[in-house]
Amino acid sequence: MNKRGAIEMSMTTVVVIVLAMTLLILGLTLVRTIFKGATESVNLLNDKVKGEITNLFAEEGGNIVVKLGAEKTAKVPIGTTNFGIGIGARNPEGEAITSRDILNYKIYLPTETVAKDCKTINQLSDSTARNIFLIQFNTLTQFDEISGPSAFSIVRFSIPSTWKVCSQKFLFDVYRGSELVGASFFIVEVVKSGIF
């Protein structure tokens, strides 16, 4: 009689452990999806990405946007290659952009230095940033695609595997000819590789 009770208790314990592990895995997957949503790399300028950037114009009310959520921060693991951030600009007068030469953008480092930024920890400078970014860093660059009054591009960069954990603000300016249309920023937070 006691042996039958022991077997039932063992089976119940196994079922409880399996259910607990399943819920734990589902919970971790949900948390990973939530945290990764705003900071995931943009690979293609498809209609969905362009639509999200266009919606950001309406929400933020400006002429330039960075597709990284409210904090404008991309968490990028050390050793990541070809990470992409979606950016967009719109003609301030609302007229269709008829040439790639109408709007241009520039990504560059701010002059101020903070203790935990990549400029200090990893000796990031304009010359080393040119090796990291797959665009012409600190130089006026044409947008990848134009649609009506809006222009879209993907800023791609790679984080070397030799880097240490750091955080760096990058400035993003858009020009129409020599006129500054708008200015914004984004932050690249270099993190250790892990499950998230």
Foldseek 3Di string as FASTA:
>chain_A
DVVVVVVVVVVVVVVVVVVVVVVVVVVVVVVCCVVCVLQAFDDDPDPVVVVVQVVVCVVVVAFKDKRRPDQQEHEAEAFFFWGKIKMKGFDPVQFFDDDQLQKWKAKEADPDDDCQACCNQVVDDQVVVCVFKPFRHRDTGTAPDGDGRMGMHITTGGHHNPGDWGKGKMKMWMDRVNHTRDIDIHMYTYDHDDPD
